[in-house]
Amino acid sequence: MEPQVSLVGLTQPSAITGAHSANELVAYAARVSNPENQMNNETAPKLLSYLIKHEHWSPFEIVSVTMEIKTTRDIGRQILRHRSFSFQEFSQRYAVSEDFTPREARLQDPKNRQNSIPSESYEINEFWRMKQKEFIEKSKELYKWALDKGIAKEQARAVLPEGNTMTTIYMAGTLRSWIHYCKLRGGHGTQLEHTEIANRCWDIIETHFPDVVKAVDSNKDE
């Protein structure tokens, strides 16, 4: 099962700002000390580029974005380490876990302990997939048995494999936090599944903040 990322919430400007989008709202906030020019949306892209180039990040904290992320629980643990965000996650104490997925076989990179490489062995790939499916089924059977016997969900969940159990996370943060997160987790040294999530988040950010993403990417190449 592929990770899924969806936009849940986004700060929108009110009528008094003259801004037509969250993208323009960042520029509006940046011009707080220049009220005569605060509603100048035509030069917003140039201003945003300047702010990013010179690392004036406070205007990017005015706008907030919330996303829904569906992934496995082990990847979820990595996401939750980003402390500048606020989170709400599916609770296995109050609800029954029903979605599970096998993981692909990737080999350890001998040159980098933080990296993995694709397995080209059909035998390894198929054996790994088959054994995971068997393990998932056995775990589900024991989990169901425990629940049927009245064992609390918070105890029954102990038998579920973290790396195969799906979870849903709501992740809320300022645009500044999202820029940092996507730049960090979208690069080298991040587990592939997490990188895919960060890149999908960045695609959503680009849809609503095209001038910001353009400025970040252009300054990254300098």
N, C-alpha and C. Protein backbone atom coordinates (compact mmCIF):
# COMPACT_ATOMS: atom_id res chain seq x y z
N MET A 1 0.84 -1.19 0.00
CA MET A 1 0.00 0.00 0.00
C MET A 1 0.88 1.25 0.00
N GLU A 2 0.67 2.10 -0.97
CA GLU A 2 1.46 3.31 -1.08
C GLU A 2 1.04 4.32 -0.01
N PRO A 3 1.98 5.13 0.49
CA PRO A 3 1.60 6.19 1.43
C PRO A 3 0.69 7.19 0.74
N GLN A 4 -0.22 7.76 1.50
CA GLN A 4 -1.17 8.73 0.97
C GLN A 4 -1.04 10.03 1.74
N VAL A 5 -1.06 11.15 1.01
CA VAL A 5 -0.97 12.47 1.63
C VAL A 5 -2.07 13.35 1.04
N SER A 6 -2.84 13.99 1.91
CA SER A 6 -3.92 14.87 1.46
C SER A 6 -3.91 16.15 2.28
N LEU A 7 -4.30 17.25 1.64
CA LEU A 7 -4.43 18.52 2.35
C LEU A 7 -5.73 18.52 3.15
N VAL A 8 -5.63 18.91 4.43
CA VAL A 8 -6.80 18.97 5.30
C VAL A 8 -7.20 20.41 5.60
N GLY A 9 -6.21 21.25 5.87
CA GLY A 9 -6.50 22.64 6.23
C GLY A 9 -5.39 23.57 5.78
N LEU A 10 -5.78 24.84 5.55
CA LEU A 10 -4.83 25.83 5.04
C LEU A 10 -5.31 27.21 5.45
N THR A 11 -4.42 28.03 6.01
CA THR A 11 -4.76 29.40 6.37
C THR A 11 -5.15 30.18 5.13
N GLN A 12 -6.28 30.86 5.19
CA GLN A 12 -6.74 31.68 4.07
C GLN A 12 -6.85 33.14 4.50
N PRO A 13 -6.52 34.08 3.62
CA PRO A 13 -6.60 35.50 3.97
C PRO A 13 -8.04 35.99 4.05
N SER A 14 -8.29 36.94 4.92
CA SER A 14 -9.61 37.58 4.97
C SER A 14 -9.65 38.73 3.98
N ALA A 15 -10.81 39.32 3.82
CA ALA A 15 -11.00 40.37 2.81
C ALA A 15 -10.16 41.61 3.10
N ILE A 16 -9.86 41.87 4.37
CA ILE A 16 -9.15 43.12 4.70
C ILE A 16 -7.71 43.13 4.20
N THR A 17 -7.17 41.97 3.87
CA THR A 17 -5.77 41.90 3.46
C THR A 17 -5.56 42.25 1.99
N GLY A 18 -6.58 42.06 1.19
CA GLY A 18 -6.42 42.26 -0.25
C GLY A 18 -5.70 41.11 -0.92
N ALA A 19 -5.28 40.14 -0.13
CA ALA A 19 -4.61 38.95 -0.69
C ALA A 19 -5.66 37.97 -1.18
N HIS A 20 -5.32 37.26 -2.25
CA HIS A 20 -6.26 36.32 -2.84
C HIS A 20 -5.91 34.86 -2.54
N SER A 21 -4.81 34.64 -1.87
CA SER A 21 -4.37 33.27 -1.60
C SER A 21 -3.45 33.25 -0.39
N ALA A 22 -3.21 32.05 0.12
CA ALA A 22 -2.26 31.90 1.22
C ALA A 22 -0.86 32.31 0.78
N ASN A 23 -0.56 32.08 -0.47
CA ASN A 23 0.73 32.47 -1.05
C ASN A 23 0.95 33.97 -0.91
N GLU A 24 -0.08 34.77 -1.25
CA GLU A 24 0.03 36.23 -1.15
C GLU A 24 -0.03 36.70 0.30
N LEU A 25 -0.68 35.92 1.16
CA LEU A 25 -0.78 36.29 2.57
C LEU A 25 0.58 36.36 3.24
N VAL A 26 1.50 35.51 2.83
CA VAL A 26 2.86 35.53 3.39
C VAL A 26 3.51 36.88 3.09
N ALA A 27 3.38 37.34 1.86
CA ALA A 27 3.95 38.64 1.47
C ALA A 27 3.26 39.77 2.22
N TYR A 28 1.96 39.67 2.40
CA TYR A 28 1.21 40.68 3.15
C TYR A 28 1.75 40.81 4.57
N ALA A 29 1.98 39.68 5.22
CA ALA A 29 2.51 39.69 6.59
C ALA A 29 3.93 40.25 6.63
N ALA A 30 4.71 39.95 5.61
CA ALA A 30 6.10 40.41 5.57
C ALA A 30 6.18 41.93 5.48
N ARG A 31 5.14 42.56 4.94
CA ARG A 31 5.14 44.01 4.74
C ARG A 31 4.44 44.75 5.88
N VAL A 32 4.36 44.15 7.04
CA VAL A 32 3.67 44.77 8.16
C VAL A 32 4.25 46.13 8.51
N SER A 33 5.53 46.33 8.28
CA SER A 33 6.18 47.61 8.58
C SER A 33 6.14 48.57 7.40
N ASN A 34 5.47 48.18 6.34
CA ASN A 34 5.33 49.02 5.15
C ASN A 34 3.86 48.99 4.70
N PRO A 35 2.95 49.50 5.54
CA PRO A 35 1.52 49.37 5.27
C PRO A 35 1.06 49.99 3.95
N GLU A 36 1.76 51.05 3.49
CA GLU A 36 1.36 51.67 2.23
C GLU A 36 1.48 50.70 1.05
N ASN A 37 2.37 49.74 1.18
CA ASN A 37 2.63 48.80 0.08
C ASN A 37 2.17 47.38 0.42
N GLN A 38 1.40 47.26 1.49
CA GLN A 38 1.08 45.93 2.01
C GLN A 38 0.18 45.12 1.08
N MET A 39 -0.63 45.77 0.28
CA MET A 39 -1.54 45.06 -0.60
C MET A 39 -1.00 44.92 -2.02
N ASN A 40 0.28 45.13 -2.17
CA ASN A 40 0.91 45.01 -3.49
C ASN A 40 1.20 43.54 -3.78
N ASN A 41 0.28 42.89 -4.45
CA ASN A 41 0.44 41.47 -4.74
C ASN A 41 1.30 41.21 -5.97
N GLU A 42 1.48 42.22 -6.80
CA GLU A 42 2.24 42.03 -8.04
C GLU A 42 3.70 41.70 -7.77
N THR A 43 4.24 42.29 -6.72
CA THR A 43 5.66 42.05 -6.41
C THR A 43 5.85 40.99 -5.34
N ALA A 44 4.78 40.29 -4.97
CA ALA A 44 4.88 39.25 -3.93
C ALA A 44 5.91 38.18 -4.27
N PRO A 45 5.95 37.66 -5.50
CA PRO A 45 6.95 36.62 -5.82
C PRO A 45 8.38 37.09 -5.58
N LYS A 46 8.67 38.33 -5.96
CA LYS A 46 10.02 38.87 -5.79
C LYS A 46 10.35 39.00 -4.30
N LEU A 47 9.38 39.46 -3.52
CA LEU A 47 9.59 39.60 -2.09
C LEU A 47 9.83 38.25 -1.42
N LEU A 48 9.03 37.26 -1.77
CA LEU A 48 9.19 35.93 -1.18
C LEU A 48 10.56 35.34 -1.50
N SER A 49 11.01 35.56 -2.72
CA SER A 49 12.33 35.08 -3.11
C SER A 49 13.42 35.74 -2.27
N TYR A 50 13.28 37.04 -2.04
CA TYR A 50 14.25 37.78 -1.23
C TYR A 50 14.27 37.25 0.21
N LEU A 51 13.08 37.03 0.77
CA LEU A 51 12.99 36.54 2.15
C LEU A 51 13.68 35.20 2.31
N ILE A 52 13.44 34.31 1.35
CA ILE A 52 14.03 32.97 1.43
C ILE A 52 15.54 33.02 1.22
N LYS A 53 15.97 33.80 0.27
CA LYS A 53 17.40 33.90 -0.02
C LYS A 53 18.18 34.39 1.19
N HIS A 54 17.59 35.35 1.92
CA HIS A 54 18.28 35.94 3.07
C HIS A 54 17.80 35.35 4.40
N GLU A 55 17.02 34.27 4.32
CA GLU A 55 16.59 33.51 5.49
C GLU A 55 15.83 34.36 6.51
N HIS A 56 14.94 35.19 6.02
CA HIS A 56 14.01 35.92 6.89
C HIS A 56 12.73 35.08 6.99
N TRP A 57 12.69 34.20 7.98
CA TRP A 57 11.67 33.16 8.00
C TRP A 57 10.39 33.52 8.74
N SER A 58 10.38 34.55 9.56
CA SER A 58 9.20 34.81 10.40
C SER A 58 7.90 34.99 9.61
N PRO A 59 7.89 35.63 8.42
CA PRO A 59 6.61 35.74 7.69
C PRO A 59 6.03 34.38 7.30
N PHE A 60 6.88 33.38 7.17
CA PHE A 60 6.40 32.05 6.78
C PHE A 60 5.78 31.30 7.95
N GLU A 61 5.85 31.90 9.15
CA GLU A 61 5.21 31.31 10.31
C GLU A 61 3.77 31.80 10.49
N ILE A 62 3.35 32.75 9.66
CA ILE A 62 2.00 33.31 9.75
C ILE A 62 0.96 32.35 9.17
N VAL A 63 1.36 31.58 8.19
CA VAL A 63 0.45 30.67 7.49
C VAL A 63 0.67 29.25 8.00
N SER A 64 -0.42 28.54 8.22
CA SER A 64 -0.35 27.15 8.69
C SER A 64 -1.00 26.19 7.70
N VAL A 65 -0.48 24.97 7.67
CA VAL A 65 -0.97 23.93 6.77
C VAL A 65 -1.15 22.65 7.57
N THR A 66 -2.26 21.95 7.35
CA THR A 66 -2.51 20.66 7.98
C THR A 66 -2.69 19.60 6.90
N MET A 67 -1.99 18.48 7.05
CA MET A 67 -2.09 17.40 6.08
C MET A 67 -2.44 16.09 6.77
N GLU A 68 -3.14 15.24 6.02
CA GLU A 68 -3.44 13.89 6.47
C GLU A 68 -2.47 12.93 5.80
N ILE A 69 -1.79 12.14 6.60
CA ILE A 69 -0.78 11.20 6.09
C ILE A 69 -1.16 9.79 6.50
N LYS A 70 -1.23 8.89 5.53
CA LYS A 70 -1.49 7.48 5.80
C LYS A 70 -0.24 6.70 5.44
N THR A 71 0.34 6.06 6.44
CA THR A 71 1.60 5.33 6.26
C THR A 71 1.68 4.22 7.30
N THR A 72 2.79 3.51 7.33
CA THR A 72 2.98 2.49 8.36
C THR A 72 3.44 3.14 9.67
N ARG A 73 3.22 2.44 10.76
CA ARG A 73 3.49 3.04 12.07
C ARG A 73 4.97 3.30 12.31
N ASP A 74 5.86 2.50 11.73
CA ASP A 74 7.29 2.76 11.93
C ASP A 74 7.71 4.06 11.26
N ILE A 75 7.15 4.33 10.08
CA ILE A 75 7.44 5.61 9.42
C ILE A 75 6.78 6.75 10.19
N GLY A 76 5.61 6.46 10.74
CA GLY A 76 4.93 7.46 11.57
C GLY A 76 5.78 7.91 12.74
N ARG A 77 6.55 6.97 13.33
CA ARG A 77 7.41 7.33 14.46
C ARG A 77 8.48 8.34 14.02
N GLN A 78 8.98 8.19 12.79
CA GLN A 78 9.97 9.14 12.27
C GLN A 78 9.34 10.52 12.09
N ILE A 79 8.11 10.53 11.57
CA ILE A 79 7.42 11.80 11.33
C ILE A 79 7.17 12.54 12.64
N LEU A 80 6.78 11.81 13.67
CA LEU A 80 6.45 12.42 14.96
C LEU A 80 7.65 13.06 15.65
N ARG A 81 8.84 12.78 15.17
CA ARG A 81 10.04 13.37 15.77
C ARG A 81 10.19 14.85 15.41
N HIS A 82 9.42 15.32 14.44
CA HIS A 82 9.52 16.73 14.03
C HIS A 82 8.68 17.57 14.98
N ARG A 83 9.34 18.09 16.02
CA ARG A 83 8.66 18.66 17.17
C ARG A 83 8.03 20.02 16.92
N SER A 84 8.33 20.67 15.81
CA SER A 84 7.71 21.97 15.55
C SER A 84 6.28 21.81 15.05
N PHE A 85 5.86 20.58 14.77
CA PHE A 85 4.50 20.32 14.29
C PHE A 85 3.60 19.87 15.45
N SER A 86 2.30 19.96 15.21
CA SER A 86 1.31 19.37 16.11
C SER A 86 0.71 18.15 15.41
N PHE A 87 0.41 17.11 16.20
CA PHE A 87 -0.03 15.85 15.61
C PHE A 87 -1.30 15.32 16.28
N GLN A 88 -2.07 14.61 15.49
CA GLN A 88 -3.16 13.78 15.98
C GLN A 88 -3.07 12.47 15.21
N GLU A 89 -3.02 11.34 15.94
CA GLU A 89 -2.83 10.05 15.27
C GLU A 89 -3.92 9.05 15.65
N PHE A 90 -4.22 8.16 14.71
CA PHE A 90 -5.13 7.05 14.95
C PHE A 90 -4.67 6.29 16.20
N SER A 91 -5.59 6.07 17.12
CA SER A 91 -5.24 5.43 18.39
C SER A 91 -5.63 3.96 18.40
N GLN A 92 -4.65 3.11 18.61
CA GLN A 92 -4.92 1.68 18.73
C GLN A 92 -5.49 1.32 20.10
N ARG A 93 -5.53 2.28 21.01
CA ARG A 93 -6.16 2.03 22.31
C ARG A 93 -7.68 2.11 22.22
N TYR A 94 -8.18 2.90 21.25
CA TYR A 94 -9.61 3.16 21.16
C TYR A 94 -10.26 2.56 19.92
N ALA A 95 -9.48 2.20 18.93
CA ALA A 95 -10.04 1.67 17.68
C ALA A 95 -9.24 0.44 17.25
N VAL A 96 -9.87 -0.38 16.44
CA VAL A 96 -9.25 -1.62 15.98
C VAL A 96 -8.46 -1.36 14.71
N SER A 97 -7.21 -1.81 14.67
CA SER A 97 -6.39 -1.71 13.46
C SER A 97 -6.85 -2.75 12.45
N GLU A 98 -7.10 -2.30 11.22
CA GLU A 98 -7.62 -3.22 10.19
C GLU A 98 -6.81 -3.21 8.90
N ASP A 99 -5.93 -2.22 8.74
CA ASP A 99 -5.18 -2.10 7.49
C ASP A 99 -3.72 -2.48 7.70
N PHE A 100 -3.25 -3.39 6.85
CA PHE A 100 -1.87 -3.88 6.93
C PHE A 100 -1.29 -3.96 5.53
N THR A 101 0.03 -3.88 5.44
CA THR A 101 0.67 -3.92 4.13
C THR A 101 2.05 -4.56 4.22
N PRO A 102 2.45 -5.36 3.26
CA PRO A 102 3.83 -5.89 3.24
C PRO A 102 4.79 -4.82 2.75
N ARG A 103 6.05 -5.00 3.05
CA ARG A 103 7.08 -4.04 2.64
C ARG A 103 8.00 -4.68 1.62
N GLU A 104 8.57 -3.84 0.77
CA GLU A 104 9.46 -4.37 -0.26
C GLU A 104 10.80 -4.78 0.35
N ALA A 105 11.49 -5.68 -0.32
CA ALA A 105 12.81 -6.11 0.13
C ALA A 105 13.86 -5.16 -0.45
N ARG A 106 14.50 -4.42 0.41
CA ARG A 106 15.64 -3.60 -0.01
C ARG A 106 16.85 -4.06 0.77
N LEU A 107 18.01 -4.00 0.15
CA LEU A 107 19.24 -4.48 0.77
C LEU A 107 19.99 -3.35 1.44
N GLN A 108 20.78 -3.71 2.44
CA GLN A 108 21.58 -2.72 3.12
C GLN A 108 22.67 -2.20 2.20
N ASP A 109 22.79 -0.88 2.11
CA ASP A 109 23.86 -0.27 1.34
C ASP A 109 25.18 -0.48 2.09
N PRO A 110 26.15 -1.18 1.51
CA PRO A 110 27.41 -1.44 2.22
C PRO A 110 28.25 -0.19 2.46
N LYS A 111 27.92 0.89 1.74
CA LYS A 111 28.70 2.11 1.87
C LYS A 111 28.04 3.16 2.76
N ASN A 112 26.77 2.93 3.12
CA ASN A 112 26.04 3.93 3.90
C ASN A 112 25.01 3.22 4.79
N ARG A 113 25.20 3.29 6.09
CA ARG A 113 24.31 2.59 7.01
C ARG A 113 22.91 3.19 7.04
N GLN A 114 22.77 4.43 6.54
CA GLN A 114 21.47 5.09 6.53
C GLN A 114 20.76 4.92 5.18
N ASN A 115 21.27 4.06 4.34
CA ASN A 115 20.69 3.92 3.00
C ASN A 115 20.43 2.46 2.68
N SER A 116 19.44 2.23 1.84
CA SER A 116 19.15 0.89 1.34
C SER A 116 19.09 0.93 -0.18
N ILE A 117 19.28 -0.22 -0.80
CA ILE A 117 19.30 -0.30 -2.26
C ILE A 117 18.33 -1.39 -2.71
N PRO A 118 17.78 -1.26 -3.91
CA PRO A 118 16.79 -2.24 -4.39
C PRO A 118 17.39 -3.64 -4.50
N SER A 119 16.56 -4.63 -4.21
CA SER A 119 16.95 -6.02 -4.40
C SER A 119 16.53 -6.46 -5.79
N GLU A 120 17.46 -7.03 -6.54
CA GLU A 120 17.16 -7.52 -7.88
C GLU A 120 16.95 -9.03 -7.90
N SER A 121 16.92 -9.62 -6.72
CA SER A 121 16.73 -11.06 -6.60
C SER A 121 15.25 -11.40 -6.50
N TYR A 122 14.73 -12.09 -7.49
CA TYR A 122 13.33 -12.50 -7.47
C TYR A 122 13.06 -13.41 -6.28
N GLU A 123 14.00 -14.30 -5.99
CA GLU A 123 13.84 -15.24 -4.89
C GLU A 123 13.71 -14.51 -3.56
N ILE A 124 14.60 -13.57 -3.32
CA ILE A 124 14.55 -12.80 -2.07
C ILE A 124 13.26 -11.99 -1.99
N ASN A 125 12.92 -11.32 -3.07
CA ASN A 125 11.73 -10.46 -3.08
C ASN A 125 10.46 -11.26 -2.79
N GLU A 126 10.32 -12.40 -3.46
CA GLU A 126 9.11 -13.20 -3.29
C GLU A 126 9.05 -13.86 -1.91
N PHE A 127 10.20 -14.36 -1.44
CA PHE A 127 10.23 -15.00 -0.12
C PHE A 127 9.89 -13.98 0.96
N TRP A 128 10.46 -12.79 0.84
CA TRP A 128 10.21 -11.72 1.82
C TRP A 128 8.73 -11.32 1.83
N ARG A 129 8.15 -11.19 0.64
CA ARG A 129 6.74 -10.83 0.54
C ARG A 129 5.85 -11.93 1.14
N MET A 130 6.15 -13.18 0.80
CA MET A 130 5.35 -14.31 1.27
C MET A 130 5.41 -14.44 2.79
N LYS A 131 6.62 -14.35 3.36
CA LYS A 131 6.78 -14.50 4.80
C LYS A 131 6.12 -13.36 5.57
N GLN A 132 6.16 -12.18 4.99
CA GLN A 132 5.46 -11.06 5.63
C GLN A 132 3.96 -11.29 5.67
N LYS A 133 3.40 -11.76 4.55
CA LYS A 133 1.97 -12.02 4.49
C LYS A 133 1.57 -13.09 5.51
N GLU A 134 2.40 -14.12 5.65
CA GLU A 134 2.13 -15.16 6.64
C GLU A 134 2.18 -14.58 8.05
N PHE A 135 3.18 -13.75 8.30
CA PHE A 135 3.34 -13.16 9.63
C PHE A 135 2.19 -12.22 9.96
N ILE A 136 1.78 -11.43 8.95
CA ILE A 136 0.66 -10.51 9.15
C ILE A 136 -0.61 -11.28 9.50
N GLU A 137 -0.87 -12.36 8.78
CA GLU A 137 -2.07 -13.16 9.03
C GLU A 137 -2.05 -13.77 10.43
N LYS A 138 -0.89 -14.28 10.85
CA LYS A 138 -0.79 -14.86 12.20
C LYS A 138 -0.99 -13.78 13.26
N SER A 139 -0.43 -12.61 13.02
CA SER A 139 -0.58 -11.50 13.97
C SER A 139 -2.04 -11.07 14.06
N LYS A 140 -2.71 -10.99 12.91
CA LYS A 140 -4.12 -10.60 12.88
C LYS A 140 -4.99 -11.63 13.61
N GLU A 141 -4.66 -12.90 13.43
CA GLU A 141 -5.42 -13.96 14.10
C GLU A 141 -5.29 -13.85 15.62
N LEU A 142 -4.07 -13.64 16.10
CA LEU A 142 -3.85 -13.51 17.54
C LEU A 142 -4.49 -12.23 18.07
N TYR A 143 -4.40 -11.16 17.30
CA TYR A 143 -5.00 -9.88 17.66
C TYR A 143 -6.52 -10.04 17.81
N LYS A 144 -7.15 -10.68 16.83
CA LYS A 144 -8.59 -10.90 16.87
C LYS A 144 -8.98 -11.80 18.04
N TRP A 145 -8.19 -12.84 18.26
CA TRP A 145 -8.45 -13.74 19.39
C TRP A 145 -8.44 -12.96 20.70
N ALA A 146 -7.45 -12.11 20.85
CA ALA A 146 -7.32 -11.32 22.08
C ALA A 146 -8.53 -10.41 22.27
N LEU A 147 -8.93 -9.74 21.20
CA LEU A 147 -10.09 -8.84 21.29
C LEU A 147 -11.37 -9.62 21.59
N ASP A 148 -11.51 -10.77 20.94
CA ASP A 148 -12.71 -11.60 21.17
C ASP A 148 -12.79 -12.09 22.61
N LYS A 149 -11.64 -12.27 23.24
CA LYS A 149 -11.59 -12.75 24.62
C LYS A 149 -11.72 -11.60 25.63
N GLY A 150 -11.87 -10.39 25.11
CA GLY A 150 -12.05 -9.25 26.00
C GLY A 150 -10.78 -8.56 26.43
N ILE A 151 -9.64 -8.97 25.88
CA ILE A 151 -8.38 -8.29 26.20
C ILE A 151 -8.43 -6.87 25.64
N ALA A 152 -7.98 -5.91 26.43
CA ALA A 152 -8.06 -4.50 26.04
C ALA A 152 -7.27 -4.23 24.76
N LYS A 153 -7.77 -3.30 23.97
CA LYS A 153 -7.10 -2.96 22.71
C LYS A 153 -5.66 -2.51 22.95
N GLU A 154 -5.45 -1.79 24.07
CA GLU A 154 -4.10 -1.29 24.34
C GLU A 154 -3.12 -2.41 24.62
N GLN A 155 -3.62 -3.59 25.02
CA GLN A 155 -2.76 -4.74 25.23
C GLN A 155 -2.70 -5.64 23.99
N ALA A 156 -3.82 -5.80 23.33
CA ALA A 156 -3.87 -6.66 22.15
C ALA A 156 -2.99 -6.14 21.01
N ARG A 157 -2.84 -4.83 20.93
CA ARG A 157 -2.05 -4.23 19.85
C ARG A 157 -0.58 -4.62 19.90
N ALA A 158 -0.13 -5.15 21.03
CA ALA A 158 1.29 -5.49 21.19
C ALA A 158 1.76 -6.53 20.18
N VAL A 159 0.84 -7.33 19.65
CA VAL A 159 1.24 -8.40 18.73
C VAL A 159 1.27 -7.93 17.27
N LEU A 160 0.87 -6.70 17.00
CA LEU A 160 0.83 -6.21 15.62
C LEU A 160 2.19 -5.67 15.19
N PRO A 161 2.66 -6.02 14.01
CA PRO A 161 3.97 -5.55 13.53
C PRO A 161 3.92 -4.07 13.13
N GLU A 162 4.75 -3.26 13.77
CA GLU A 162 4.77 -1.82 13.51
C GLU A 162 5.01 -1.50 12.03
N GLY A 163 5.91 -2.25 11.42
CA GLY A 163 6.28 -1.95 10.04
C GLY A 163 5.26 -2.36 9.00
N ASN A 164 4.24 -3.12 9.42
CA ASN A 164 3.20 -3.56 8.49
C ASN A 164 1.82 -2.98 8.81
N THR A 165 1.70 -2.32 9.93
CA THR A 165 0.41 -1.79 10.37
C THR A 165 0.25 -0.35 9.93
N MET A 166 -0.85 -0.07 9.23
CA MET A 166 -1.09 1.28 8.74
C MET A 166 -1.63 2.18 9.84
N THR A 167 -1.33 3.47 9.73
CA THR A 167 -1.84 4.47 10.66
C THR A 167 -2.21 5.72 9.88
N THR A 168 -3.00 6.57 10.52
CA THR A 168 -3.36 7.87 9.94
C THR A 168 -2.91 8.96 10.89
N ILE A 169 -2.21 9.95 10.35
CA ILE A 169 -1.68 11.05 11.15
C ILE A 169 -2.14 12.38 10.55
N TYR A 170 -2.61 13.29 11.41
CA TYR A 170 -2.84 14.67 10.99
C TYR A 170 -1.63 15.47 11.47
N MET A 171 -1.01 16.15 10.55
CA MET A 171 0.25 16.86 10.81
C MET A 171 0.04 18.34 10.50
N ALA A 172 0.13 19.18 11.52
CA ALA A 172 -0.15 20.61 11.37
C ALA A 172 1.06 21.44 11.76
N GLY A 173 1.39 22.40 10.92
CA GLY A 173 2.53 23.26 11.21
C GLY A 173 2.54 24.50 10.35
N THR A 174 3.42 25.41 10.68
CA THR A 174 3.55 26.63 9.87
C THR A 174 4.22 26.31 8.55
N LEU A 175 4.09 27.22 7.62
CA LEU A 175 4.74 27.03 6.32
C LEU A 175 6.25 26.91 6.50
N ARG A 176 6.80 27.64 7.45
CA ARG A 176 8.24 27.54 7.72
C ARG A 176 8.62 26.11 8.10
N SER A 177 7.83 25.51 8.98
CA SER A 177 8.11 24.14 9.40
C SER A 177 8.00 23.17 8.23
N TRP A 178 7.00 23.38 7.37
CA TRP A 178 6.84 22.50 6.22
C TRP A 178 8.01 22.62 5.25
N ILE A 179 8.51 23.83 5.05
CA ILE A 179 9.67 24.02 4.17
C ILE A 179 10.87 23.25 4.71
N HIS A 180 11.12 23.40 6.01
CA HIS A 180 12.25 22.70 6.63
C HIS A 180 12.07 21.19 6.54
N TYR A 181 10.88 20.71 6.87
CA TYR A 181 10.61 19.27 6.86
C TYR A 181 10.80 18.68 5.46
N CYS A 182 10.22 19.32 4.47
CA CYS A 182 10.30 18.78 3.10
C CYS A 182 11.72 18.82 2.55
N LYS A 183 12.46 19.87 2.87
CA LYS A 183 13.85 19.95 2.42
C LYS A 183 14.70 18.88 3.09
N LEU A 184 14.47 18.65 4.38
CA LEU A 184 15.27 17.67 5.13
C LEU A 184 14.92 16.24 4.74
N ARG A 185 13.65 15.91 4.77
CA ARG A 185 13.22 14.53 4.54
C ARG A 185 13.12 14.18 3.06
N GLY A 186 13.15 15.18 2.21
CA GLY A 186 13.13 14.90 0.78
C GLY A 186 14.51 14.67 0.20
N GLY A 187 15.53 14.73 1.06
CA GLY A 187 16.90 14.58 0.59
C GLY A 187 17.50 13.24 0.95
N HIS A 188 18.80 13.14 0.73
CA HIS A 188 19.52 11.90 1.02
C HIS A 188 19.60 11.66 2.53
N GLY A 189 19.68 10.38 2.90
CA GLY A 189 19.80 10.04 4.31
C GLY A 189 18.48 9.74 4.99
N THR A 190 17.38 9.87 4.25
CA THR A 190 16.05 9.58 4.79
C THR A 190 15.54 8.27 4.20
N GLN A 191 14.85 7.48 5.00
CA GLN A 191 14.29 6.23 4.50
C GLN A 191 13.35 6.51 3.33
N LEU A 192 13.41 5.64 2.32
CA LEU A 192 12.69 5.86 1.07
C LEU A 192 11.21 6.15 1.28
N GLU A 193 10.54 5.37 2.13
CA GLU A 193 9.11 5.58 2.36
C GLU A 193 8.82 6.96 2.93
N HIS A 194 9.72 7.44 3.78
CA HIS A 194 9.55 8.77 4.36
C HIS A 194 9.83 9.85 3.32
N THR A 195 10.81 9.62 2.48
CA THR A 195 11.12 10.56 1.40
C THR A 195 9.92 10.73 0.47
N GLU A 196 9.26 9.63 0.16
CA GLU A 196 8.08 9.69 -0.71
C GLU A 196 6.99 10.56 -0.09
N ILE A 197 6.81 10.45 1.21
CA ILE A 197 5.81 11.27 1.90
C ILE A 197 6.19 12.74 1.84
N ALA A 198 7.45 13.05 2.14
CA ALA A 198 7.91 14.44 2.11
C ALA A 198 7.75 15.05 0.72
N ASN A 199 8.04 14.28 -0.31
CA ASN A 199 7.91 14.79 -1.67
C ASN A 199 6.45 15.03 -2.04
N ARG A 200 5.55 14.20 -1.55
CA ARG A 200 4.12 14.42 -1.80
C ARG A 200 3.62 15.64 -1.04
N CYS A 201 4.13 15.84 0.16
CA CYS A 201 3.81 17.06 0.90
C CYS A 201 4.28 18.29 0.14
N TRP A 202 5.47 18.20 -0.42
CA TRP A 202 6.05 19.33 -1.16
C TRP A 202 5.22 19.63 -2.41
N ASP A 203 4.69 18.60 -3.04
CA ASP A 203 3.83 18.81 -4.20
C ASP A 203 2.57 19.59 -3.81
N ILE A 204 2.02 19.27 -2.65
CA ILE A 204 0.84 19.99 -2.17
C ILE A 204 1.20 21.43 -1.82
N ILE A 205 2.34 21.61 -1.16
CA ILE A 205 2.80 22.97 -0.86
C ILE A 205 2.96 23.77 -2.15
N GLU A 206 3.50 23.15 -3.17
CA GLU A 206 3.71 23.85 -4.45
C GLU A 206 2.39 24.28 -5.07
N THR A 207 1.35 23.48 -4.92
CA THR A 207 0.04 23.82 -5.47
C THR A 207 -0.50 25.11 -4.87
N HIS A 208 -0.26 25.32 -3.58
CA HIS A 208 -0.84 26.46 -2.89
C HIS A 208 0.16 27.60 -2.65
N PHE A 209 1.44 27.29 -2.76
CA PHE A 209 2.48 28.31 -2.57
C PHE A 209 3.50 28.22 -3.70
N PRO A 210 3.07 28.41 -4.94
CA PRO A 210 3.97 28.23 -6.08
C PRO A 210 5.18 29.16 -6.04
N ASP A 211 4.97 30.40 -5.59
CA ASP A 211 6.10 31.34 -5.54
C ASP A 211 7.11 30.94 -4.48
N VAL A 212 6.63 30.39 -3.38
CA VAL A 212 7.52 29.95 -2.30
C VAL A 212 8.37 28.78 -2.76
N VAL A 213 7.74 27.78 -3.35
CA VAL A 213 8.47 26.60 -3.81
C VAL A 213 9.48 26.97 -4.89
N LYS A 214 9.08 27.85 -5.79
CA LYS A 214 10.00 28.29 -6.84
C LYS A 214 11.22 28.97 -6.24
N ALA A 215 11.00 29.80 -5.23
CA ALA A 215 12.11 30.51 -4.59
C ALA A 215 13.01 29.55 -3.82
N VAL A 216 12.41 28.60 -3.10
CA VAL A 216 13.20 27.62 -2.35
C VAL A 216 14.06 26.79 -3.29
N ASP A 217 13.46 26.30 -4.36
CA ASP A 217 14.19 25.45 -5.30
C ASP A 217 15.28 26.22 -6.03
N SER A 218 15.02 27.47 -6.37
CA SER A 218 16.03 28.25 -7.09
C SER A 218 17.21 28.60 -6.19
N ASN A 219 16.94 28.89 -4.91
CA ASN A 219 18.03 29.18 -3.98
C ASN A 219 18.81 27.93 -3.62
N LYS A 220 18.15 26.78 -3.68
CA LYS A 220 18.83 25.51 -3.40
C LYS A 220 19.88 25.22 -4.45
N ASP A 221 19.64 25.66 -5.67
CA ASP A 221 20.55 25.38 -6.77
C ASP A 221 21.73 26.35 -6.83
N GLU A 222 21.66 27.43 -6.05
CA GLU A 222 22.74 28.43 -6.11
C GLU A 222 23.97 27.96 -5.35
